Amino acid sequence: DFHSSTNPSGLSDGDVLDANEDIEYSFTPAD
């Protein structure tokens, strides 16, 4: 939680729902 989509100051807003706050990295061997 590093920014708020509604707060111009970009402060944490108590959730992890904004852009780039919930991230997944994975590997696909097929390609």
Full PDB file with SEQRES, HELIX, SHEET, SSBOND, CRYST1, ORIGX, SCALE, CONECT and MASTER records, all heavy atoms in Angstrom:
SEQRES   1 A   31  ASP PHE HIS SER SER THR ASN PRO SER GLY LEU SER ASP          
SEQRES   2 A   31  GLY ASP VAL LEU ASP ALA ASN GLU ASP ILE GLU TYR SER          
SEQRES   3 A   31  PHE THR PRO ALA ASP                                          
CRYST1    1.000    1.000    1.000  90.00  90.00  90.00 P 1           1          
ORIGX1      1.000000  0.000000  0.000000        0.00000                         
ORIGX2      0.000000  1.000000  0.000000        0.00000                         
ORIGX3      0.000000  0.000000  1.000000        0.00000                         
SCALE1      1.000000  0.000000  0.000000        0.00000                         
SCALE2      0.000000  1.000000  0.000000        0.00000                         
SCALE3      0.000000  0.000000  1.000000        0.00000                         
ATOM      1  N   ASP A   1       0.866  -1.182   0.000  1.00  0.00           N  
ATOM      2  CA  ASP A   1       0.000   0.000   0.000  1.00  0.00           C  
ATOM      3  C   ASP A   1       0.899   1.227   0.000  1.00  0.00           C  
ATOM      4  O   ASP A   1       1.353   1.695   1.045  1.00  0.00           O  
ATOM      5  CB  ASP A   1      -0.903  -0.016   1.240  1.00  0.00           C  
ATOM      6  CG  ASP A   1      -1.801   1.218   1.313  1.00  0.00           C  
ATOM      7  OD1 ASP A   1      -2.019   1.849   0.255  1.00  0.00           O  
ATOM      8  OD2 ASP A   1      -2.266   1.547   2.425  1.00  0.00           O  
ATOM      9  N   PHE A   2       1.172   1.740  -1.186  1.00  0.00           N  
ATOM     10  CA  PHE A   2       2.091   2.874  -1.253  1.00  0.00           C  
ATOM     11  C   PHE A   2       1.485   4.106  -1.888  1.00  0.00           C  
ATOM     12  O   PHE A   2       2.140   5.141  -1.994  1.00  0.00           O  
ATOM     13  CB  PHE A   2       3.372   2.499  -2.009  1.00  0.00           C  
ATOM     14  CG  PHE A   2       3.158   2.098  -3.437  1.00  0.00           C  
ATOM     15  CD1 PHE A   2       3.140   3.046  -4.442  1.00  0.00           C  
ATOM     16  CD2 PHE A   2       2.999   0.771  -3.776  1.00  0.00           C  
ATOM     17  CE1 PHE A   2       2.961   2.677  -5.761  1.00  0.00           C  
ATOM     18  CE2 PHE A   2       2.814   0.396  -5.087  1.00  0.00           C  
ATOM     19  CZ  PHE A   2       2.797   1.335  -6.081  1.00  0.00           C  
ATOM     20  N   HIS A   3       0.230   4.044  -2.335  1.00  0.00           N  
ATOM     21  CA  HIS A   3      -0.373   5.271  -2.845  1.00  0.00           C  
ATOM     22  C   HIS A   3      -1.881   5.115  -2.871  1.00  0.00           C  
ATOM     23  O   HIS A   3      -2.427   4.030  -2.702  1.00  0.00           O  
ATOM     24  CB  HIS A   3       0.150   5.613  -4.242  1.00  0.00           C  
ATOM     25  CG  HIS A   3      -0.437   4.754  -5.326  1.00  0.00           C  
ATOM     26  ND1 HIS A   3       0.039   3.516  -5.612  1.00  0.00           N  
ATOM     27  CD2 HIS A   3      -1.474   4.976  -6.177  1.00  0.00           C  
ATOM     28  CE1 HIS A   3      -0.660   2.986  -6.604  1.00  0.00           C  
ATOM     29  NE2 HIS A   3      -1.587   3.851  -6.960  1.00  0.00           N  
ATOM     30  N   SER A   4      -2.546   6.231  -3.090  1.00  0.00           N  
ATOM     31  CA  SER A   4      -4.002   6.261  -3.175  1.00  0.00           C  
ATOM     32  C   SER A   4      -4.397   6.863  -4.518  1.00  0.00           C  
ATOM     33  O   SER A   4      -3.836   7.864  -4.945  1.00  0.00           O  
ATOM     34  CB  SER A   4      -4.594   7.091  -2.036  1.00  0.00           C  
ATOM     35  OG  SER A   4      -5.972   7.326  -2.256  1.00  0.00           O  
ATOM     36  N   SER A   5      -5.337   6.224  -5.168  1.00  0.00           N  
ATOM     37  CA  SER A   5      -5.789   6.747  -6.450  1.00  0.00           C  
ATOM     38  C   SER A   5      -6.635   8.003  -6.291  1.00  0.00           C  
ATOM     39  O   SER A   5      -6.834   8.756  -7.237  1.00  0.00           O  
ATOM     40  CB  SER A   5      -6.593   5.671  -7.192  1.00  0.00           C  
ATOM     41  OG  SER A   5      -7.703   5.260  -6.403  1.00  0.00           O  
ATOM     42  N   THR A   6      -7.135   8.260  -5.076  1.00  0.00           N  
ATOM     43  CA  THR A   6      -7.973   9.442  -4.844  1.00  0.00           C  
ATOM     44  C   THR A   6      -7.250  10.543  -4.088  1.00  0.00           C  
ATOM     45  O   THR A   6      -7.758  11.650  -3.991  1.00  0.00           O  
ATOM     46  CB  THR A   6      -9.242   9.038  -4.066  1.00  0.00           C  
ATOM     47  OG1 THR A   6      -8.857   8.468  -2.801  1.00  0.00           O  
ATOM     48  CG2 THR A   6     -10.049   8.008  -4.847  1.00  0.00           C  
ATOM     49  N   ASN A   7      -6.068  10.232  -3.538  1.00  0.00           N  
ATOM     50  CA  ASN A   7      -5.325  11.204  -2.747  1.00  0.00           C  
ATOM     51  C   ASN A   7      -4.205  11.799  -3.604  1.00  0.00           C  
ATOM     52  O   ASN A   7      -3.275  11.097  -3.986  1.00  0.00           O  
ATOM     53  CB  ASN A   7      -4.735  10.539  -1.501  1.00  0.00           C  
ATOM     54  CG  ASN A   7      -4.151  11.569  -0.545  1.00  0.00           C  
ATOM     55  OD1 ASN A   7      -3.846  12.695  -0.924  1.00  0.00           O  
ATOM     56  ND2 ASN A   7      -3.994  11.169   0.708  1.00  0.00           N  
ATOM     57  N   PRO A   8      -4.270  13.080  -3.928  1.00  0.00           N  
ATOM     58  CA  PRO A   8      -3.236  13.694  -4.776  1.00  0.00           C  
ATOM     59  C   PRO A   8      -1.832  13.581  -4.198  1.00  0.00           C  
ATOM     60  O   PRO A   8      -0.855  13.604  -4.935  1.00  0.00           O  
ATOM     61  CB  PRO A   8      -3.684  15.154  -4.876  1.00  0.00           C  
ATOM     62  CG  PRO A   8      -5.151  15.135  -4.571  1.00  0.00           C  
ATOM     63  CD  PRO A   8      -5.328  14.041  -3.562  1.00  0.00           C  
ATOM     64  N   SER A   9      -1.723  13.486  -2.876  1.00  0.00           N  
ATOM     65  CA  SER A   9      -0.397  13.413  -2.260  1.00  0.00           C  
ATOM     66  C   SER A   9       0.242  12.054  -2.446  1.00  0.00           C  
ATOM     67  O   SER A   9       1.440  11.887  -2.212  1.00  0.00           O  
ATOM     68  CB  SER A   9      -0.496  13.742  -0.773  1.00  0.00           C  
ATOM     69  OG  SER A   9      -1.280  12.756  -0.102  1.00  0.00           O  
ATOM     70  N   GLY A  10      -0.545  11.052  -2.866  1.00  0.00           N  
ATOM     71  CA  GLY A  10      -0.003   9.727  -3.109  1.00  0.00           C  
ATOM     72  C   GLY A  10       0.297   8.945  -1.847  1.00  0.00           C  
ATOM     73  O   GLY A  10       1.100   8.016  -1.865  1.00  0.00           O  
ATOM     74  N   LEU A  11      -0.341   9.265  -0.726  1.00  0.00           N  
ATOM     75  CA  LEU A  11      -0.094   8.556   0.519  1.00  0.00           C  
ATOM     76  C   LEU A  11      -0.906   7.269   0.581  1.00  0.00           C  
ATOM     77  O   LEU A  11      -1.856   7.067  -0.172  1.00  0.00           O  
ATOM     78  CB  LEU A  11      -0.448   9.450   1.709  1.00  0.00           C  
ATOM     79  CG  LEU A  11       0.345  10.760   1.816  1.00  0.00           C  
ATOM     80  CD1 LEU A  11      -0.170  11.594   2.978  1.00  0.00           C  
ATOM     81  CD2 LEU A  11       1.832  10.483   1.958  1.00  0.00           C  
ATOM     82  N   SER A  12      -0.501   6.365   1.480  1.00  0.00           N  
ATOM     83  CA  SER A  12      -1.229   5.117   1.677  1.00  0.00           C  
ATOM     84  C   SER A  12      -2.660   5.409   2.086  1.00  0.00           C  
ATOM     85  O   SER A  12      -2.943   6.369   2.808  1.00  0.00           O  
ATOM     86  CB  SER A  12      -0.540   4.285   2.757  1.00  0.00           C  
ATOM     87  OG  SER A  12       0.798   4.002   2.393  1.00  0.00           O  
ATOM     88  N   ASP A  13      -3.574   4.548   1.614  1.00  0.00           N  
ATOM     89  CA  ASP A  13      -4.988   4.793   1.902  1.00  0.00           C  
ATOM     90  C   ASP A  13      -5.666   3.626   2.616  1.00  0.00           C  
ATOM     91  O   ASP A  13      -6.886   3.579   2.723  1.00  0.00           O  
ATOM     92  CB  ASP A  13      -5.741   5.105   0.609  1.00  0.00           C  
ATOM     93  CG  ASP A  13      -5.673   3.947  -0.386  1.00  0.00           C  
ATOM     94  OD1 ASP A  13      -4.979   2.947  -0.097  1.00  0.00           O  
ATOM     95  OD2 ASP A  13      -6.311   4.047  -1.445  1.00  0.00           O  
ATOM     96  N   GLY A  14      -4.892   2.654   3.096  1.00  0.00           N  
ATOM     97  CA  GLY A  14      -5.477   1.580   3.893  1.00  0.00           C  
ATOM     98  C   GLY A  14      -5.969   0.387   3.094  1.00  0.00           C  
ATOM     99  O   GLY A  14      -6.645  -0.489   3.651  1.00  0.00           O  
ATOM    100  N   ASP A  15      -5.649   0.313   1.802  1.00  0.00           N  
ATOM    101  CA  ASP A  15      -6.012  -0.876   1.027  1.00  0.00           C  
ATOM    102  C   ASP A  15      -4.918  -1.175   0.003  1.00  0.00           C  
ATOM    103  O   ASP A  15      -3.984  -0.391  -0.179  1.00  0.00           O  
ATOM    104  CB  ASP A  15      -7.364  -0.695   0.330  1.00  0.00           C  
ATOM    105  CG  ASP A  15      -7.351   0.424  -0.716  1.00  0.00           C  
ATOM    106  OD1 ASP A  15      -6.441   0.431  -1.575  1.00  0.00           O  
ATOM    107  OD2 ASP A  15      -8.239   1.300  -0.679  1.00  0.00           O  
ATOM    108  N   VAL A  16      -5.034  -2.329  -0.617  1.00  0.00           N  
ATOM    109  CA  VAL A  16      -4.059  -2.739  -1.633  1.00  0.00           C  
ATOM    110  C   VAL A  16      -4.783  -2.981  -2.964  1.00  0.00           C  
ATOM    111  O   VAL A  16      -4.505  -3.928  -3.686  1.00  0.00           O  
ATOM    112  CB  VAL A  16      -3.300  -4.007  -1.196  1.00  0.00           C  
ATOM    113  CG1 VAL A  16      -2.358  -3.683  -0.055  1.00  0.00           C  
ATOM    114  CG2 VAL A  16      -4.267  -5.118  -0.795  1.00  0.00           C  
ATOM    115  N   LEU A  17      -5.722  -2.077  -3.251  1.00  0.00           N  
ATOM    116  CA  LEU A  17      -6.571  -2.229  -4.426  1.00  0.00           C  
ATOM    117  C   LEU A  17      -6.206  -1.292  -5.564  1.00  0.00           C  
ATOM    118  O   LEU A  17      -6.753  -1.408  -6.657  1.00  0.00           O  
ATOM    119  CB  LEU A  17      -8.041  -2.001  -4.041  1.00  0.00           C  
ATOM    120  CG  LEU A  17      -8.603  -2.938  -2.964  1.00  0.00           C  
ATOM    121  CD1 LEU A  17     -10.018  -2.521  -2.583  1.00  0.00           C  
ATOM    122  CD2 LEU A  17      -8.569  -4.374  -3.437  1.00  0.00           C  
ATOM    123  N   ASP A  18      -5.291  -0.372  -5.321  1.00  0.00           N  
ATOM    124  CA  ASP A  18      -4.928   0.583  -6.358  1.00  0.00           C  
ATOM    125  C   ASP A  18      -3.935  -0.039  -7.343  1.00  0.00           C  
ATOM    126  O   ASP A  18      -3.431  -1.148  -7.141  1.00  0.00           O  
ATOM    127  CB  ASP A  18      -4.342   1.845  -5.721  1.00  0.00           C  
ATOM    128  CG  ASP A  18      -5.326   2.487  -4.755  1.00  0.00           C  
ATOM    129  OD1 ASP A  18      -6.465   2.745  -5.165  1.00  0.00           O  
ATOM    130  OD2 ASP A  18      -4.955   2.698  -3.582  1.00  0.00           O  
ATOM    131  N   ALA A  19      -3.658   0.692  -8.388  1.00  0.00           N  
ATOM    132  CA  ALA A  19      -2.782   0.174  -9.447  1.00  0.00           C  
ATOM    133  C   ALA A  19      -1.402  -0.184  -8.896  1.00  0.00           C  
ATOM    134  O   ALA A  19      -0.814   0.564  -8.112  1.00  0.00           O  
ATOM    135  CB  ALA A  19      -2.656   1.215 -10.563  1.00  0.00           C  
ATOM    136  N   ASN A  20      -0.886  -1.345  -9.316  1.00  0.00           N  
ATOM    137  CA  ASN A  20       0.457  -1.815  -8.954  1.00  0.00           C  
ATOM    138  C   ASN A  20       0.644  -2.021  -7.453  1.00  0.00           C  
ATOM    139  O   ASN A  20       1.769  -1.903  -6.953  1.00  0.00           O  
ATOM    140  CB  ASN A  20       1.518  -0.855  -9.491  1.00  0.00           C  
ATOM    141  CG  ASN A  20       1.524  -0.780 -10.994  1.00  0.00           C  
ATOM    142  OD1 ASN A  20       1.465  -1.797 -11.682  1.00  0.00           O  
ATOM    143  ND2 ASN A  20       1.574   0.430 -11.524  1.00  0.00           N  
ATOM    144  N   GLU A  21      -0.430  -2.322  -6.748  1.00  0.00           N  
ATOM    145  CA  GLU A  21      -0.309  -2.634  -5.319  1.00  0.00           C  
ATOM    146  C   GLU A  21      -0.464  -4.135  -5.054  1.00  0.00           C  
ATOM    147  O   GLU A  21      -0.056  -4.602  -3.991  1.00  0.00           O  
ATOM    148  CB  GLU A  21      -1.358  -1.861  -4.515  1.00  0.00           C  
ATOM    149  CG  GLU A  21      -1.074  -0.381  -4.434  1.00  0.00           C  
ATOM    150  CD  GLU A  21      -1.988   0.351  -3.470  1.00  0.00           C  
ATOM    151  OE1 GLU A  21      -3.079  -0.178  -3.149  1.00  0.00           O  
ATOM    152  OE2 GLU A  21      -1.612   1.452  -3.013  1.00  0.00           O  
ATOM    153  N   ASP A  22      -1.016  -4.873  -5.988  1.00  0.00           N  
ATOM    154  CA  ASP A  22      -1.157  -6.325  -5.872  1.00  0.00           C  
ATOM    155  C   ASP A  22      -0.525  -6.929  -7.126  1.00  0.00           C  
ATOM    156  O   ASP A  22      -1.094  -6.877  -8.218  1.00  0.00           O  
ATOM    157  CB  ASP A  22      -2.644  -6.698  -5.769  1.00  0.00           C  
ATOM    158  CG  ASP A  22      -2.850  -8.166  -5.438  1.00  0.00           C  
ATOM    159  OD1 ASP A  22      -1.870  -8.942  -5.547  1.00  0.00           O  
ATOM    160  OD2 ASP A  22      -3.986  -8.556  -5.107  1.00  0.00           O  
ATOM    161  N   ILE A  23       0.683  -7.494  -6.972  1.00  0.00           N  
ATOM    162  CA  ILE A  23       1.508  -7.877  -8.120  1.00  0.00           C  
ATOM    163  C   ILE A  23       1.873  -9.355  -8.040  1.00  0.00           C  
ATOM    164  O   ILE A  23       2.162  -9.877  -6.953  1.00  0.00           O  
ATOM    165  CB  ILE A  23       2.784  -7.022  -8.182  1.00  0.00           C  
ATOM    166  CG1 ILE A  23       2.418  -5.528  -8.257  1.00  0.00           C  
ATOM    167  CG2 ILE A  23       3.655  -7.412  -9.370  1.00  0.00           C  
ATOM    168  CD1 ILE A  23       3.614  -4.610  -8.107  1.00  0.00           C  
ATOM    169  N   GLU A  24       1.893  -9.984  -9.182  1.00  0.00           N  
ATOM    170  CA  GLU A  24       2.283 -11.399  -9.264  1.00  0.00           C  
ATOM    171  C   GLU A  24       3.309 -11.583 -10.375  1.00  0.00           C  
ATOM    172  O   GLU A  24       3.146 -11.074 -11.482  1.00  0.00           O  
ATOM    173  CB  GLU A  24       1.054 -12.264  -9.545  1.00  0.00           C  
ATOM    174  CG  GLU A  24       1.370 -13.749  -9.740  1.00  0.00           C  
ATOM    175  CD  GLU A  24       0.138 -14.537 -10.149  1.00  0.00           C  
ATOM    176  OE1 GLU A  24      -0.675 -14.867  -9.267  1.00  0.00           O  
ATOM    177  OE2 GLU A  24      -0.011 -14.800 -11.375  1.00  0.00           O  
ATOM    178  N   TYR A  25       4.374 -12.336 -10.066  1.00  0.00           N  
ATOM    179  CA  TYR A  25       5.359 -12.747 -11.066  1.00  0.00           C  
ATOM    180  C   TYR A  25       5.316 -14.261 -11.188  1.00  0.00           C  
ATOM    181  O   TYR A  25       5.296 -14.974 -10.186  1.00  0.00           O  
ATOM    182  CB  TYR A  25       6.771 -12.314 -10.668  1.00  0.00           C  
ATOM    183  CG  TYR A  25       7.033 -10.840 -10.855  1.00  0.00           C  
ATOM    184  CD1 TYR A  25       7.109  -9.980  -9.758  1.00  0.00           C  
ATOM    185  CD2 TYR A  25       7.219 -10.302 -12.123  1.00  0.00           C  
ATOM    186  CE1 TYR A  25       7.350  -8.628  -9.924  1.00  0.00           C  
ATOM    187  CE2 TYR A  25       7.458  -8.950 -12.293  1.00  0.00           C  
ATOM    188  CZ  TYR A  25       7.530  -8.125 -11.199  1.00  0.00           C  
ATOM    189  OH  TYR A  25       7.761  -6.786 -11.371  1.00  0.00           O  
ATOM    190  N   SER A  26       5.301 -14.750 -12.424  1.00  0.00           N  
ATOM    191  CA  SER A  26       5.252 -16.192 -12.648  1.00  0.00           C  
ATOM    192  C   SER A  26       6.048 -16.547 -13.890  1.00  0.00           C  
ATOM    193  O   SER A  26       6.371 -15.686 -14.719  1.00  0.00           O  
ATOM    194  CB  SER A  26       3.802 -16.668 -12.807  1.00  0.00           C  
ATOM    195  OG  SER A  26       3.194 -16.049 -13.930  1.00  0.00           O  
ATOM    196  N   PHE A  27       6.339 -17.831 -14.017  1.00  0.00           N  
ATOM    197  CA  PHE A  27       7.134 -18.333 -15.134  1.00  0.00           C  
ATOM    198  C   PHE A  27       6.325 -19.359 -15.917  1.00  0.00           C  
ATOM    199  O   PHE A  27       5.703 -20.256 -15.337  1.00  0.00           O  
ATOM    200  CB  PHE A  27       8.427 -18.969 -14.619  1.00  0.00           C  
ATOM    201  CG  PHE A  27       9.258 -19.629 -15.680  1.00  0.00           C  
ATOM    202  CD1 PHE A  27       9.669 -18.922 -16.800  1.00  0.00           C  
ATOM    203  CD2 PHE A  27       9.634 -20.951 -15.557  1.00  0.00           C  
ATOM    204  CE1 PHE A  27      10.436 -19.528 -17.776  1.00  0.00           C  
ATOM    205  CE2 PHE A  27      10.401 -21.559 -16.530  1.00  0.00           C  
ATOM    206  CZ  PHE A  27      10.806 -20.849 -17.649  1.00  0.00           C  
ATOM    207  N   THR A  28       6.325 -19.196 -17.252  1.00  0.00           N  
ATOM    208  CA  THR A  28       5.626 -20.131 -18.136  1.00  0.00           C  
ATOM    209  C   THR A  28       6.672 -20.894 -18.943  1.00  0.00           C  
ATOM    210  O   THR A  28       7.218 -20.366 -19.913  1.00  0.00           O  
ATOM    211  CB  THR A  28       4.678 -19.382 -19.091  1.00  0.00           C  
ATOM    212  OG1 THR A  28       3.834 -18.517 -18.343  1.00  0.00           O  
ATOM    213  CG2 THR A  28       3.817 -20.361 -19.869  1.00  0.00           C  
ATOM    214  N   PRO A  29       6.975 -22.152 -18.578  1.00  0.00           N  
ATOM    215  CA  PRO A  29       8.014 -22.905 -19.307  1.00  0.00           C  
ATOM    216  C   PRO A  29       7.671 -23.148 -20.769  1.00  0.00           C  
ATOM    217  O   PRO A  29       8.569 -23.283 -21.601  1.00  0.00           O  
ATOM    218  CB  PRO A  29       8.083 -24.233 -18.536  1.00  0.00           C  
ATOM    219  CG  PRO A  29       7.493 -23.936 -17.193  1.00  0.00           C  
ATOM    220  CD  PRO A  29       6.446 -22.894 -17.425  1.00  0.00           C  
ATOM    221  N   ALA A  30       6.376 -23.225 -21.115  1.00  0.00           N  
ATOM    222  CA  ALA A  30       5.977 -23.548 -22.480  1.00  0.00           C  
ATOM    223  C   ALA A  30       6.534 -22.556 -23.492  1.00  0.00           C  
ATOM    224  O   ALA A  30       6.905 -22.941 -24.609  1.00  0.00           O  
ATOM    225  CB  ALA A  30       4.453 -23.601 -22.583  1.00  0.00           C  
ATOM    226  N   ASP A  31       6.618 -21.282 -23.130  1.00  0.00           N  
ATOM    227  CA  ASP A  31       7.151 -20.285 -24.058  1.00  0.00           C  
ATOM    228  C   ASP A  31       8.343 -19.519 -23.472  1.00  0.00           C  
ATOM    229  O   ASP A  31       8.705 -18.450 -23.960  1.00  0.00           O  
ATOM    230  CB  ASP A  31       6.063 -19.298 -24.488  1.00  0.00           C  
ATOM    231  CG  ASP A  31       5.422 -18.578 -23.315  1.00  0.00           C  
ATOM    232  OD1 ASP A  31       5.853 -18.799 -22.169  1.00  0.00           O  
ATOM    233  OD2 ASP A  31       4.480 -17.805 -23.541  1.00  0.00           O  
TER     234      ASP A  31                                                      
MASTER        0    0    0    0    0    0    0    6  233    1    0    3          
END                                                                             
